[in-house]
Amino acid sequence: TEAETNSAGEIWTHRYKEPHAHEVDEETEATMLHTKSKVEHNTNGWDSRCKQSVSSIMEGHCSLGFPFPKDYDPNKTPARSDGRAYNCFMNEIIETRWWPKLVEAMERRGKRPG
């Protein structure tokens, strides 16, 4: 280890650095999953594009996420009634832990989450 090397009077050399890496403090920070920057031309026509077949949605023609239900079973779960296919998964930790904290923080600042 670095400590052992230094205590032996040797020089520890770091060969690899990740200046962009950041360890997340789960008590004070959150990560957002399934987020992207969307410009208008990427979402134009989303209503019809996202109602295409499942294969079209999976090929990336639909830029919006429609999460699978928690209890999803391909043999039992009915299709969405609006004609859109499920194409992503909900992150329960974000939904139950981090989203309420974000809403609360935004409300304290006088902004509504949208």
Protein backbone atom coordinates (compact mmCIF):
# COMPACT_ATOMS: atom_id res chain seq x y z
CA THR A 1 0.00 0.00 0.00
CA GLU A 2 1.00 3.64 -0.21
CA ALA A 3 1.42 3.89 3.57
CA GLU A 4 3.68 0.83 3.70
CA THR A 5 5.81 2.10 0.83
CA ASN A 6 6.24 5.52 2.44
CA SER A 7 7.03 4.03 5.87
CA ALA A 8 9.80 1.95 4.24
CA GLY A 9 11.39 5.16 2.97
CA GLU A 10 10.47 4.50 -0.62
CA ILE A 11 8.66 6.88 -2.97
CA TRP A 12 5.09 6.02 -3.89
CA THR A 13 4.29 7.07 -7.45
CA HIS A 14 0.71 7.52 -8.60
CA ARG A 15 0.58 6.26 -12.17
CA TYR A 16 -3.08 6.87 -12.80
CA LYS A 17 -5.25 9.83 -11.90
CA GLU A 18 -8.94 10.44 -12.43
CA PRO A 19 -9.40 14.17 -11.96
CA HIS A 20 -12.97 13.95 -13.24
CA ALA A 21 -14.00 11.24 -10.76
CA HIS A 22 -16.09 12.28 -7.80
CA GLU A 23 -17.10 10.07 -4.91
CA VAL A 24 -20.74 10.73 -4.10
CA ASP A 25 -21.74 11.46 -0.53
CA GLU A 26 -25.11 9.72 -0.37
CA GLU A 27 -26.12 11.74 2.69
CA THR A 28 -25.87 15.12 0.96
CA GLU A 29 -25.75 14.46 -2.79
CA ALA A 30 -27.88 12.64 -5.31
CA THR A 31 -27.41 11.30 -8.78
CA MET A 32 -30.00 11.55 -11.51
CA LEU A 33 -30.43 8.60 -13.80
CA HIS A 34 -32.02 8.50 -17.23
CA THR A 35 -31.62 12.20 -17.83
CA LYS A 36 -30.52 13.80 -21.03
CA SER A 37 -30.44 17.23 -22.53
CA LYS A 38 -33.30 17.50 -24.95
CA VAL A 39 -33.46 20.01 -27.73
CA GLU A 40 -36.70 20.72 -29.53
CA HIS A 41 -35.91 18.78 -32.70
CA ASN A 42 -35.28 15.62 -30.62
CA THR A 43 -38.74 15.71 -29.09
CA ASN A 44 -40.83 16.97 -32.00
CA GLY A 45 -43.40 14.35 -32.88
CA TRP A 46 -42.79 12.41 -29.67
CA ASP A 47 -46.48 11.60 -29.36
CA SER A 48 -46.56 9.61 -32.59
CA ARG A 49 -42.97 8.31 -32.42
CA CYS A 50 -43.46 6.90 -28.95
CA LYS A 51 -46.63 5.09 -30.02
CA GLN A 52 -44.80 3.06 -32.63
CA SER A 53 -44.02 -0.61 -32.17
CA VAL A 54 -41.84 -1.80 -29.30
CA SER A 55 -38.97 -2.45 -31.71
CA SER A 56 -39.06 1.16 -32.93
CA ILE A 57 -38.98 2.46 -29.37
CA MET A 58 -36.11 0.16 -28.46
CA GLU A 59 -34.18 1.33 -31.53
CA GLY A 60 -34.11 4.84 -30.11
CA HIS A 61 -36.89 6.53 -32.05
CA CYS A 62 -38.63 7.50 -28.81
CA SER A 63 -36.63 9.97 -26.73
CA LEU A 64 -38.88 9.79 -23.69
CA GLY A 65 -38.96 7.18 -20.95
CA PHE A 66 -42.01 5.08 -20.12
CA PRO A 67 -41.02 2.96 -17.09
CA PHE A 68 -41.95 -0.66 -16.60
CA PRO A 69 -44.28 -1.20 -13.62
CA LYS A 70 -42.63 -2.51 -10.43
CA ASP A 71 -44.42 -5.83 -10.73
CA TYR A 72 -43.84 -6.19 -14.48
CA ASP A 73 -44.29 -9.69 -15.85
CA PRO A 74 -44.13 -10.00 -19.65
CA ASN A 75 -46.70 -12.80 -19.53
CA LYS A 76 -49.19 -11.01 -17.27
CA THR A 77 -48.69 -7.23 -17.42
CA PRO A 78 -50.98 -5.60 -19.96
CA ALA A 79 -49.63 -3.13 -22.49
CA ARG A 80 -50.00 0.55 -21.71
CA SER A 81 -53.48 1.78 -22.51
CA ASP A 82 -52.07 4.80 -24.37
CA GLY A 83 -50.28 2.65 -26.97
CA ARG A 84 -46.76 3.45 -25.77
CA ALA A 85 -44.35 0.68 -24.86
CA TYR A 86 -42.37 0.40 -21.65
CA ASN A 87 -38.75 1.29 -22.40
CA CYS A 88 -36.94 1.99 -19.12
CA PHE A 89 -36.86 1.07 -15.44
CA MET A 90 -37.70 3.22 -12.44
CA ASN A 91 -34.96 3.69 -9.85
CA GLU A 92 -36.75 3.20 -6.52
CA ILE A 93 -34.03 4.90 -4.46
CA ILE A 94 -34.37 8.05 -6.53
CA GLU A 95 -38.16 7.93 -6.43
CA THR A 96 -38.55 7.27 -2.71
CA ARG A 97 -35.49 8.95 -1.21
CA TRP A 98 -34.03 11.61 -3.48
CA TRP A 99 -37.06 12.97 -5.37
CA PRO A 100 -38.88 14.07 -2.18
CA LYS A 101 -35.70 15.81 -0.99
CA LEU A 102 -35.38 17.64 -4.32
CA VAL A 103 -39.03 18.72 -4.21
CA GLU A 104 -38.60 19.99 -0.66
CA ALA A 105 -35.42 21.92 -1.53
CA MET A 106 -37.06 23.50 -4.57
CA GLU A 107 -40.13 24.47 -2.55
CA ARG A 108 -37.87 26.18 0.02
CA ARG A 109 -36.38 28.19 -2.85
CA GLY A 110 -39.81 29.05 -4.20
CA LYS A 111 -39.57 26.94 -7.35
CA ARG A 112 -41.91 24.18 -8.43
CA PRO A 113 -40.47 20.92 -9.78
CA GLY A 114 -41.59 20.39 -13.32
